[in-house]
Amino acid sequence: MNIANLLTDFYLKNGIPDNGGSDDTTFKIKILGLKLELPNPKFRREATYIHDIHHVLNNCDTSWKGEGFISGWEVATGIWKYFPVGLLSLWAMGYSLWLYPIAVFNGFKKGKNNTGVINLGLAKAELMKMEMTELIRLTSKQKDKLKKNQGKKSKKFLQLAEFLGWSLITQLILFFPLIIVVLGILFA
């Protein structure tokens, strides 16, 4: 099945508006039990389909557990290089760490062995026509079998260290507004 059809099914299954809501000027999100309606800026509307393809590719729903996995996966694949879209993934990873840390870590581990869809540099129309099997092939990093078996312990340690480093960065992003307020009070 091609990506366009899989996305349509994904949107229906998760109660998401047609086209991922990319035509809407606002989007809804539930944070700390509160349902918020936030502005949907142009950069987000233009990149929503990529994030949604990540959900389909990794078979994740839009619960915070699914979002946690996807945000970990996206950060590991390097989406953070694409500002301001990457900032959303970093924030979501920071928030999800408080709710589903294992899902975030599992997504991060998987992402270290994948190439992000955004990194493929393919046009939206090209992605939509693509079969899922082809997208899986393109996003799977081919590992040299010798390298794969050498230094597994050091690789796991480095992966954990990288995850912890990104976790710290995501917490700074998540709590940045609070940090600014506290600093303002302390140094006012």
N, C-alpha and C. Protein backbone atom coordinates (compact mmCIF):
# COMPACT_ATOMS: atom_id res chain seq x y z
N MET A 1 0.85 -1.18 0.00
CA MET A 1 0.00 0.00 0.00
C MET A 1 0.89 1.24 0.00
N ASN A 2 0.46 2.29 -0.70
CA ASN A 2 1.29 3.49 -0.76
C ASN A 2 1.08 4.38 0.46
N ILE A 3 2.00 5.30 0.65
CA ILE A 3 2.01 6.16 1.83
C ILE A 3 0.74 7.01 1.92
N ALA A 4 0.25 7.53 0.80
CA ALA A 4 -0.96 8.36 0.83
C ALA A 4 -2.13 7.59 1.42
N ASN A 5 -2.32 6.34 1.01
CA ASN A 5 -3.42 5.53 1.54
C ASN A 5 -3.21 5.19 3.00
N LEU A 6 -1.97 4.88 3.36
CA LEU A 6 -1.66 4.58 4.76
C LEU A 6 -1.91 5.79 5.66
N LEU A 7 -1.57 6.98 5.17
CA LEU A 7 -1.82 8.20 5.95
C LEU A 7 -3.32 8.45 6.12
N THR A 8 -4.08 8.22 5.07
CA THR A 8 -5.54 8.39 5.17
C THR A 8 -6.10 7.47 6.25
N ASP A 9 -5.66 6.21 6.25
CA ASP A 9 -6.09 5.26 7.29
C ASP A 9 -5.65 5.72 8.67
N PHE A 10 -4.42 6.21 8.77
CA PHE A 10 -3.87 6.69 10.04
C PHE A 10 -4.71 7.85 10.58
N TYR A 11 -5.06 8.79 9.72
CA TYR A 11 -5.86 9.94 10.14
C TYR A 11 -7.24 9.49 10.63
N LEU A 12 -7.87 8.58 9.91
CA LEU A 12 -9.18 8.08 10.32
C LEU A 12 -9.10 7.36 11.67
N LYS A 13 -8.12 6.49 11.81
CA LYS A 13 -7.96 5.69 13.02
C LYS A 13 -7.68 6.54 14.25
N ASN A 14 -7.00 7.67 14.07
CA ASN A 14 -6.60 8.51 15.20
C ASN A 14 -7.44 9.78 15.35
N GLY A 15 -8.50 9.90 14.57
CA GLY A 15 -9.39 11.06 14.69
C GLY A 15 -8.72 12.37 14.30
N ILE A 16 -7.84 12.31 13.31
CA ILE A 16 -7.11 13.50 12.85
C ILE A 16 -7.80 14.03 11.60
N PRO A 17 -7.91 15.35 11.45
CA PRO A 17 -8.55 15.91 10.26
C PRO A 17 -7.84 15.49 8.97
N ASP A 18 -8.57 15.56 7.87
CA ASP A 18 -7.98 15.25 6.56
C ASP A 18 -6.68 16.02 6.37
N ASN A 19 -5.76 15.39 5.67
CA ASN A 19 -4.47 16.01 5.36
C ASN A 19 -3.68 16.33 6.63
N GLY A 20 -3.99 15.63 7.72
CA GLY A 20 -3.26 15.82 8.97
C GLY A 20 -3.52 17.15 9.64
N GLY A 21 -4.55 17.85 9.20
CA GLY A 21 -4.83 19.17 9.77
C GLY A 21 -3.94 20.26 9.22
N SER A 22 -3.21 19.95 8.15
CA SER A 22 -2.25 20.93 7.62
C SER A 22 -2.94 22.12 6.95
N ASP A 23 -4.25 22.03 6.74
CA ASP A 23 -4.99 23.16 6.18
C ASP A 23 -5.60 24.03 7.28
N ASP A 24 -5.53 23.56 8.53
CA ASP A 24 -6.14 24.27 9.65
C ASP A 24 -5.20 25.32 10.23
N THR A 25 -5.76 26.41 10.72
CA THR A 25 -4.94 27.47 11.31
C THR A 25 -4.64 27.22 12.78
N THR A 26 -5.33 26.23 13.38
CA THR A 26 -5.06 25.84 14.77
C THR A 26 -4.98 24.32 14.86
N PHE A 27 -4.39 23.84 15.95
CA PHE A 27 -4.39 22.40 16.22
C PHE A 27 -4.65 22.20 17.70
N LYS A 28 -5.15 21.01 18.04
CA LYS A 28 -5.48 20.71 19.43
C LYS A 28 -4.46 19.73 20.00
N ILE A 29 -4.13 19.95 21.27
CA ILE A 29 -3.17 19.10 21.96
C ILE A 29 -3.59 19.00 23.43
N LYS A 30 -3.40 17.81 23.99
CA LYS A 30 -3.73 17.61 25.41
C LYS A 30 -2.42 17.55 26.19
N ILE A 31 -2.26 18.51 27.13
CA ILE A 31 -1.06 18.60 27.95
C ILE A 31 -1.49 18.72 29.40
N LEU A 32 -0.95 17.86 30.24
CA LEU A 32 -1.28 17.86 31.67
C LEU A 32 -2.79 17.82 31.90
N GLY A 33 -3.48 17.05 31.07
CA GLY A 33 -4.92 16.90 31.22
C GLY A 33 -5.74 18.04 30.65
N LEU A 34 -5.08 19.07 30.16
CA LEU A 34 -5.78 20.22 29.57
C LEU A 34 -5.79 20.11 28.05
N LYS A 35 -6.94 20.33 27.45
CA LYS A 35 -7.02 20.35 25.99
C LYS A 35 -6.80 21.78 25.53
N LEU A 36 -5.73 21.98 24.80
CA LEU A 36 -5.37 23.32 24.32
C LEU A 36 -5.57 23.41 22.82
N GLU A 37 -5.99 24.56 22.36
CA GLU A 37 -6.05 24.84 20.93
C GLU A 37 -4.99 25.91 20.67
N LEU A 38 -4.01 25.54 19.86
CA LEU A 38 -2.86 26.41 19.62
C LEU A 38 -2.78 26.81 18.16
N PRO A 39 -2.11 27.92 17.87
CA PRO A 39 -1.91 28.31 16.47
C PRO A 39 -1.11 27.24 15.72
N ASN A 40 -1.44 27.05 14.47
CA ASN A 40 -0.76 26.07 13.63
C ASN A 40 0.08 26.84 12.61
N PRO A 41 1.32 27.22 12.98
CA PRO A 41 2.13 28.06 12.09
C PRO A 41 2.46 27.36 10.77
N LYS A 42 2.80 28.15 9.80
CA LYS A 42 3.08 27.65 8.44
C LYS A 42 4.14 26.55 8.45
N PHE A 43 5.23 26.73 9.20
CA PHE A 43 6.29 25.71 9.20
C PHE A 43 5.77 24.37 9.70
N ARG A 44 4.84 24.38 10.66
CA ARG A 44 4.27 23.14 11.18
C ARG A 44 3.32 22.52 10.16
N ARG A 45 2.50 23.36 9.54
CA ARG A 45 1.55 22.86 8.54
C ARG A 45 2.29 22.20 7.38
N GLU A 46 3.44 22.77 7.00
CA GLU A 46 4.20 22.24 5.87
C GLU A 46 4.94 20.95 6.21
N ALA A 47 5.19 20.69 7.48
CA ALA A 47 5.97 19.50 7.87
C ALA A 47 5.14 18.43 8.56
N THR A 48 3.86 18.69 8.79
CA THR A 48 3.02 17.73 9.51
C THR A 48 3.03 16.36 8.85
N TYR A 49 2.96 16.33 7.52
CA TYR A 49 2.90 15.04 6.83
C TYR A 49 4.14 14.19 7.10
N ILE A 50 5.30 14.82 7.27
CA ILE A 50 6.52 14.06 7.56
C ILE A 50 6.42 13.41 8.93
N HIS A 51 5.99 14.16 9.92
CA HIS A 51 5.80 13.62 11.27
C HIS A 51 4.78 12.48 11.24
N ASP A 52 3.71 12.66 10.48
CA ASP A 52 2.68 11.63 10.40
C ASP A 52 3.19 10.38 9.69
N ILE A 53 4.03 10.55 8.68
CA ILE A 53 4.65 9.39 8.02
C ILE A 53 5.52 8.64 9.03
N HIS A 54 6.19 9.36 9.92
CA HIS A 54 6.99 8.70 10.96
C HIS A 54 6.11 7.81 11.83
N HIS A 55 4.90 8.27 12.15
CA HIS A 55 3.96 7.45 12.92
C HIS A 55 3.61 6.17 12.16
N VAL A 56 3.30 6.31 10.87
CA VAL A 56 2.93 5.15 10.05
C VAL A 56 4.12 4.20 9.92
N LEU A 57 5.28 4.75 9.65
CA LEU A 57 6.50 3.95 9.47
C LEU A 57 6.83 3.14 10.71
N ASN A 58 6.59 3.71 11.88
CA ASN A 58 6.92 3.05 13.15
C ASN A 58 5.72 2.41 13.83
N ASN A 59 4.57 2.43 13.16
CA ASN A 59 3.34 1.82 13.68
C ASN A 59 2.99 2.35 15.08
N CYS A 60 2.97 3.66 15.22
CA CYS A 60 2.67 4.31 16.51
C CYS A 60 1.41 5.15 16.39
N ASP A 61 0.58 5.10 17.42
CA ASP A 61 -0.61 5.95 17.45
C ASP A 61 -0.24 7.35 17.93
N THR A 62 -1.26 8.17 18.18
CA THR A 62 -1.01 9.56 18.58
C THR A 62 -1.20 9.78 20.08
N SER A 63 -1.22 8.70 20.85
CA SER A 63 -1.22 8.86 22.31
C SER A 63 0.13 9.46 22.71
N TRP A 64 0.26 9.91 23.96
CA TRP A 64 1.56 10.44 24.37
C TRP A 64 2.64 9.36 24.37
N LYS A 65 2.24 8.11 24.54
CA LYS A 65 3.22 7.02 24.44
C LYS A 65 3.74 6.92 23.00
N GLY A 66 2.82 6.99 22.03
CA GLY A 66 3.22 6.97 20.63
C GLY A 66 4.02 8.20 20.25
N GLU A 67 3.59 9.36 20.72
CA GLU A 67 4.33 10.60 20.45
C GLU A 67 5.71 10.56 21.09
N GLY A 68 5.80 9.94 22.27
CA GLY A 68 7.09 9.81 22.94
C GLY A 68 8.06 8.98 22.11
N PHE A 69 7.58 7.84 21.61
CA PHE A 69 8.41 6.99 20.76
C PHE A 69 8.87 7.77 19.53
N ILE A 70 7.91 8.43 18.87
CA ILE A 70 8.23 9.16 17.64
C ILE A 70 9.18 10.32 17.90
N SER A 71 8.98 11.06 18.98
CA SER A 71 9.88 12.18 19.25
C SER A 71 11.30 11.68 19.54
N GLY A 72 11.43 10.58 20.28
CA GLY A 72 12.75 9.98 20.50
C GLY A 72 13.38 9.55 19.19
N TRP A 73 12.57 8.92 18.34
CA TRP A 73 13.04 8.45 17.04
C TRP A 73 13.48 9.63 16.18
N GLU A 74 12.66 10.69 16.15
CA GLU A 74 12.99 11.86 15.34
C GLU A 74 14.27 12.55 15.81
N VAL A 75 14.44 12.69 17.10
CA VAL A 75 15.66 13.33 17.62
C VAL A 75 16.88 12.49 17.25
N ALA A 76 16.77 11.17 17.37
CA ALA A 76 17.90 10.29 17.04
C ALA A 76 18.23 10.33 15.55
N THR A 77 17.23 10.54 14.70
CA THR A 77 17.50 10.58 13.26
C THR A 77 17.98 11.96 12.80
N GLY A 78 17.98 12.93 13.70
CA GLY A 78 18.56 14.23 13.37
C GLY A 78 17.57 15.29 12.94
N ILE A 79 16.29 15.12 13.24
CA ILE A 79 15.30 16.14 12.84
C ILE A 79 15.58 17.48 13.50
N TRP A 80 16.30 17.46 14.61
CA TRP A 80 16.63 18.70 15.33
C TRP A 80 17.42 19.67 14.46
N LYS A 81 18.03 19.17 13.38
CA LYS A 81 18.80 20.04 12.48
C LYS A 81 17.89 20.94 11.65
N TYR A 82 16.61 20.61 11.61
CA TYR A 82 15.66 21.34 10.77
C TYR A 82 14.82 22.27 11.64
N PHE A 83 15.37 23.44 11.91
CA PHE A 83 14.70 24.42 12.75
C PHE A 83 13.63 25.12 11.92
N PRO A 84 12.49 25.42 12.45
CA PRO A 84 11.99 25.25 13.81
C PRO A 84 11.24 23.93 14.05
N VAL A 85 11.07 23.11 12.98
CA VAL A 85 10.34 21.84 13.13
C VAL A 85 10.98 20.97 14.20
N GLY A 86 12.30 20.90 14.20
CA GLY A 86 13.01 20.07 15.17
C GLY A 86 12.75 20.48 16.61
N LEU A 87 12.49 21.76 16.81
CA LEU A 87 12.19 22.25 18.16
C LEU A 87 10.93 21.60 18.72
N LEU A 88 9.96 21.35 17.86
CA LEU A 88 8.72 20.68 18.30
C LEU A 88 9.02 19.26 18.77
N SER A 89 9.88 18.55 18.04
CA SER A 89 10.24 17.19 18.43
C SER A 89 11.03 17.18 19.73
N LEU A 90 11.92 18.15 19.89
CA LEU A 90 12.69 18.24 21.14
C LEU A 90 11.77 18.53 22.32
N TRP A 91 10.79 19.42 22.13
CA TRP A 91 9.84 19.72 23.20
C TRP A 91 9.01 18.48 23.53
N ALA A 92 8.51 17.79 22.48
CA ALA A 92 7.68 16.60 22.70
C ALA A 92 8.47 15.50 23.40
N MET A 93 9.75 15.36 23.05
CA MET A 93 10.58 14.37 23.73
C MET A 93 10.73 14.73 25.21
N GLY A 94 10.97 16.01 25.48
CA GLY A 94 11.10 16.45 26.87
C GLY A 94 9.86 16.19 27.68
N TYR A 95 8.70 16.49 27.12
CA TYR A 95 7.43 16.26 27.82
C TYR A 95 7.18 14.76 27.99
N SER A 96 7.40 14.00 26.92
CA SER A 96 7.13 12.55 26.95
C SER A 96 8.03 11.80 27.91
N LEU A 97 9.22 12.32 28.15
CA LEU A 97 10.12 11.67 29.11
C LEU A 97 9.49 11.56 30.49
N TRP A 98 8.63 12.50 30.85
CA TRP A 98 7.96 12.47 32.14
C TRP A 98 6.83 11.45 32.18
N LEU A 99 6.29 11.12 31.01
CA LEU A 99 5.14 10.22 30.94
C LEU A 99 5.52 8.79 30.56
N TYR A 100 6.33 8.66 29.52
CA TYR A 100 6.68 7.34 28.97
C TYR A 100 8.17 7.28 28.62
N PRO A 101 9.04 7.32 29.63
CA PRO A 101 10.48 7.36 29.35
C PRO A 101 10.98 6.14 28.57
N ILE A 102 10.40 4.98 28.81
CA ILE A 102 10.86 3.78 28.10
C ILE A 102 10.50 3.86 26.62
N ALA A 103 9.30 4.35 26.32
CA ALA A 103 8.90 4.52 24.92
C ALA A 103 9.83 5.50 24.21
N VAL A 104 10.17 6.60 24.89
CA VAL A 104 11.08 7.59 24.30
C VAL A 104 12.44 6.95 24.03
N PHE A 105 12.96 6.20 25.01
CA PHE A 105 14.26 5.56 24.84
C PHE A 105 14.23 4.52 23.72
N ASN A 106 13.15 3.73 23.65
CA ASN A 106 13.04 2.74 22.57
C ASN A 106 12.99 3.41 21.21
N GLY A 107 12.27 4.52 21.11
CA GLY A 107 12.23 5.27 19.86
C GLY A 107 13.61 5.81 19.49
N PHE A 108 14.32 6.32 20.49
CA PHE A 108 15.66 6.86 20.27
C PHE A 108 16.60 5.75 19.77
N LYS A 109 16.55 4.59 20.42
CA LYS A 109 17.41 3.47 19.99
C LYS A 109 17.11 3.07 18.55
N LYS A 110 15.84 2.97 18.21
CA LYS A 110 15.48 2.60 16.84
C LYS A 110 15.93 3.68 15.86
N GLY A 111 15.74 4.93 16.24
CA GLY A 111 16.13 6.04 15.38
C GLY A 111 17.62 6.08 15.07
N LYS A 112 18.44 5.60 15.99
CA LYS A 112 19.89 5.57 15.75
C LYS A 112 20.23 4.63 14.60
N ASN A 113 19.32 3.72 14.27
CA ASN A 113 19.55 2.77 13.18
C ASN A 113 18.71 3.08 11.95
N ASN A 114 18.13 4.26 11.91
CA ASN A 114 17.30 4.67 10.78
C ASN A 114 17.72 6.03 10.26
N THR A 115 17.28 6.31 9.06
CA THR A 115 17.40 7.63 8.46
C THR A 115 16.02 8.26 8.52
N GLY A 116 15.94 9.48 8.97
CA GLY A 116 14.65 10.16 9.05
C GLY A 116 14.09 10.48 7.66
N VAL A 117 12.78 10.46 7.54
CA VAL A 117 12.14 10.76 6.26
C VAL A 117 12.55 12.14 5.76
N ILE A 118 12.66 13.10 6.66
CA ILE A 118 13.04 14.46 6.26
C ILE A 118 14.45 14.49 5.66
N ASN A 119 15.31 13.57 6.10
CA ASN A 119 16.69 13.51 5.60
C ASN A 119 16.78 12.90 4.20
N LEU A 120 15.73 12.25 3.74
CA LEU A 120 15.75 11.66 2.40
C LEU A 120 15.68 12.73 1.32
N GLY A 121 15.15 13.90 1.66
CA GLY A 121 15.08 15.00 0.70
C GLY A 121 14.11 14.77 -0.45
N LEU A 122 13.09 13.95 -0.22
CA LEU A 122 12.12 13.65 -1.26
C LEU A 122 10.95 14.63 -1.21
N ALA A 123 10.41 14.94 -2.37
CA ALA A 123 9.23 15.81 -2.45
C ALA A 123 8.02 15.08 -1.87
N LYS A 124 7.07 15.86 -1.38
CA LYS A 124 5.86 15.29 -0.79
C LYS A 124 5.14 14.37 -1.78
N ALA A 125 4.99 14.81 -3.01
CA ALA A 125 4.29 14.00 -4.02
C ALA A 125 4.99 12.66 -4.23
N GLU A 126 6.30 12.68 -4.23
CA GLU A 126 7.08 11.45 -4.41
C GLU A 126 6.88 10.50 -3.23
N LEU A 127 6.88 11.05 -2.02
CA LEU A 127 6.65 10.24 -0.83
C LEU A 127 5.26 9.63 -0.83
N MET A 128 4.26 10.41 -1.20
CA MET A 128 2.87 9.94 -1.16
C MET A 128 2.63 8.76 -2.11
N LYS A 129 3.33 8.72 -3.24
CA LYS A 129 3.17 7.63 -4.20
C LYS A 129 3.97 6.38 -3.81
N MET A 130 4.94 6.56 -2.93
CA MET A 130 5.85 5.48 -2.56
C MET A 130 5.15 4.37 -1.79
N GLU A 131 5.56 3.14 -2.06
CA GLU A 131 5.07 1.99 -1.30
C GLU A 131 5.80 1.94 0.04
N MET A 132 5.11 1.46 1.05
CA MET A 132 5.70 1.38 2.40
C MET A 132 6.99 0.55 2.40
N THR A 133 7.02 -0.54 1.66
CA THR A 133 8.23 -1.38 1.65
C THR A 133 9.44 -0.60 1.14
N GLU A 134 9.22 0.28 0.17
CA GLU A 134 10.32 1.10 -0.35
C GLU A 134 10.77 2.12 0.69
N LEU A 135 9.83 2.72 1.41
CA LEU A 135 10.19 3.69 2.44
C LEU A 135 10.97 3.00 3.56
N ILE A 136 10.56 1.82 3.93
CA ILE A 136 11.29 1.06 4.96
C ILE A 136 12.72 0.80 4.49
N ARG A 137 12.87 0.42 3.23
CA ARG A 137 14.21 0.17 2.68
C ARG A 137 15.06 1.43 2.72
N LEU A 138 14.48 2.56 2.34
CA LEU A 138 15.24 3.82 2.29
C LEU A 138 15.62 4.34 3.68
N THR A 139 14.79 4.09 4.67
CA THR A 139 15.07 4.63 6.01
C THR A 139 15.90 3.69 6.86
N SER A 140 16.08 2.45 6.42
CA SER A 140 16.90 1.50 7.19
C SER A 140 18.36 1.69 6.84
N LYS A 141 19.17 1.97 7.84
CA LYS A 141 20.60 2.13 7.61
C LYS A 141 21.22 0.75 7.46
N GLN A 142 22.03 0.61 6.43
CA GLN A 142 22.73 -0.65 6.22
C GLN A 142 24.01 -0.64 7.05
N LYS A 143 24.16 -1.62 7.90
CA LYS A 143 25.32 -1.70 8.78
C LYS A 143 26.30 -2.75 8.26
N ASP A 144 27.56 -2.43 8.37
CA ASP A 144 28.61 -3.39 8.07
C ASP A 144 28.54 -4.47 9.16
N LYS A 145 28.41 -5.73 8.74
CA LYS A 145 28.23 -6.81 9.72
C LYS A 145 29.38 -6.90 10.71
N LEU A 146 30.60 -6.63 10.28
CA LEU A 146 31.73 -6.68 11.21
C LEU A 146 31.60 -5.59 12.26
N LYS A 147 31.29 -4.39 11.82
CA LYS A 147 31.14 -3.28 12.76
C LYS A 147 29.99 -3.53 13.72
N LYS A 148 28.95 -4.18 13.21
CA LYS A 148 27.76 -4.42 14.02
C LYS A 148 28.09 -5.31 15.22
N ASN A 149 28.97 -6.25 15.04
CA ASN A 149 29.30 -7.19 16.11
C ASN A 149 30.46 -6.74 16.98
N GLN A 150 31.18 -5.72 16.58
CA GLN A 150 32.31 -5.25 17.38
C GLN A 150 31.86 -4.16 18.34
N GLY A 151 32.33 -4.24 19.56
CA GLY A 151 32.11 -3.18 20.54
C GLY A 151 30.66 -2.94 20.91
N LYS A 152 29.88 -4.00 21.07
CA LYS A 152 28.46 -3.82 21.41
C LYS A 152 28.28 -3.09 22.74
N LYS A 153 29.13 -3.41 23.72
CA LYS A 153 29.00 -2.75 25.02
C LYS A 153 29.33 -1.27 24.92
N SER A 154 30.40 -0.93 24.20
CA SER A 154 30.75 0.48 24.07
C SER A 154 29.70 1.23 23.25
N LYS A 155 29.12 0.55 22.25
CA LYS A 155 28.07 1.17 21.45
C LYS A 155 26.85 1.47 22.33
N LYS A 156 26.47 0.52 23.17
CA LYS A 156 25.33 0.72 24.06
C LYS A 156 25.60 1.86 25.05
N PHE A 157 26.81 1.92 25.56
CA PHE A 157 27.17 2.99 26.49
C PHE A 157 27.09 4.35 25.80
N LEU A 158 27.66 4.44 24.59
CA LEU A 158 27.64 5.70 23.85
C LEU A 158 26.20 6.11 23.50
N GLN A 159 25.40 5.12 23.15
CA GLN A 159 24.00 5.40 22.84
C GLN A 159 23.25 5.93 24.06
N LEU A 160 23.50 5.32 25.21
CA LEU A 160 22.88 5.77 26.45
C LEU A 160 23.36 7.18 26.82
N ALA A 161 24.66 7.42 26.66
CA ALA A 161 25.21 8.75 26.96
C ALA A 161 24.59 9.80 26.04
N GLU A 162 24.45 9.46 24.77
CA GLU A 162 23.84 10.40 23.82
C GLU A 162 22.38 10.65 24.18
N PHE A 163 21.67 9.59 24.55
CA PHE A 163 20.27 9.74 24.96
C PHE A 163 20.15 10.64 26.18
N LEU A 164 21.03 10.44 27.15
CA LEU A 164 20.99 11.27 28.37
C LEU A 164 21.30 12.73 28.04
N GLY A 165 22.25 12.95 27.14
CA GLY A 165 22.57 14.32 26.72
C GLY A 165 21.38 14.99 26.05
N TRP A 166 20.74 14.28 25.13
CA TRP A 166 19.55 14.83 24.48
C TRP A 166 18.41 15.02 25.48
N SER A 167 18.30 14.11 26.44
CA SER A 167 17.26 14.23 27.46
C SER A 167 17.44 15.53 28.25
N LEU A 168 18.67 15.84 28.58
CA LEU A 168 18.95 17.09 29.30
C LEU A 168 18.56 18.31 28.44
N ILE A 169 18.95 18.27 27.18
CA ILE A 169 18.61 19.37 26.27
C ILE A 169 17.09 19.54 26.17
N THR A 170 16.38 18.41 26.06
CA THR A 170 14.92 18.50 25.92
C THR A 170 14.27 19.04 27.19
N GLN A 171 14.85 18.75 28.34
CA GLN A 171 14.29 19.29 29.58
C GLN A 171 14.51 20.79 29.66
N LEU A 172 15.65 21.25 29.18
CA LEU A 172 15.90 22.69 29.14
C LEU A 172 14.90 23.39 28.22
N ILE A 173 14.61 22.76 27.09
CA ILE A 173 13.63 23.33 26.16
C ILE A 173 12.23 23.30 26.78
N LEU A 174 11.88 22.18 27.39
CA LEU A 174 10.56 22.04 28.00
C LEU A 174 10.33 23.08 29.10
N PHE A 175 11.35 23.26 29.94
CA PHE A 175 11.19 24.15 31.09
C PHE A 175 11.74 25.56 30.86
N PHE A 176 12.12 25.89 29.63
CA PHE A 176 12.70 27.19 29.33
C PHE A 176 11.84 28.36 29.82
N PRO A 177 10.53 28.36 29.56
CA PRO A 177 9.72 29.49 30.06
C PRO A 177 9.78 29.62 31.58
N LEU A 178 9.74 28.51 32.29
CA LEU A 178 9.81 28.54 33.75
C LEU A 178 11.18 29.04 34.22
N ILE A 179 12.23 28.59 33.55
CA ILE A 179 13.59 29.02 33.90
C ILE A 179 13.72 30.54 33.75
N ILE A 180 13.17 31.08 32.68
CA ILE A 180 13.23 32.53 32.44
C ILE A 180 12.50 33.29 33.54
N VAL A 181 11.32 32.80 33.92
CA VAL A 181 10.54 33.46 34.99
C VAL A 181 11.31 33.43 36.30
N VAL A 182 11.86 32.27 36.66
CA VAL A 182 12.61 32.15 37.92
C VAL A 182 13.83 33.06 37.90
N LEU A 183 14.56 33.07 36.80
CA LEU A 183 15.73 33.96 36.70
C LEU A 183 15.31 35.42 36.79
N GLY A 184 14.18 35.75 36.18
CA GLY A 184 13.67 37.11 36.25
C GLY A 184 13.34 37.52 37.68
N ILE A 185 12.77 36.60 38.44
CA ILE A 185 12.43 36.88 39.84
C ILE A 185 13.70 37.01 40.67
N LEU A 186 14.65 36.11 40.45
CA LEU A 186 15.89 36.11 41.24
C LEU A 186 16.75 37.34 40.98
N PHE A 187 16.79 37.77 39.74
CA PHE A 187 17.70 38.86 39.38
C PHE A 187 16.99 40.17 39.07
N ALA A 188 15.74 40.28 39.48
CA ALA A 188 14.98 41.52 39.22
C ALA A 188 15.35 42.60 40.21
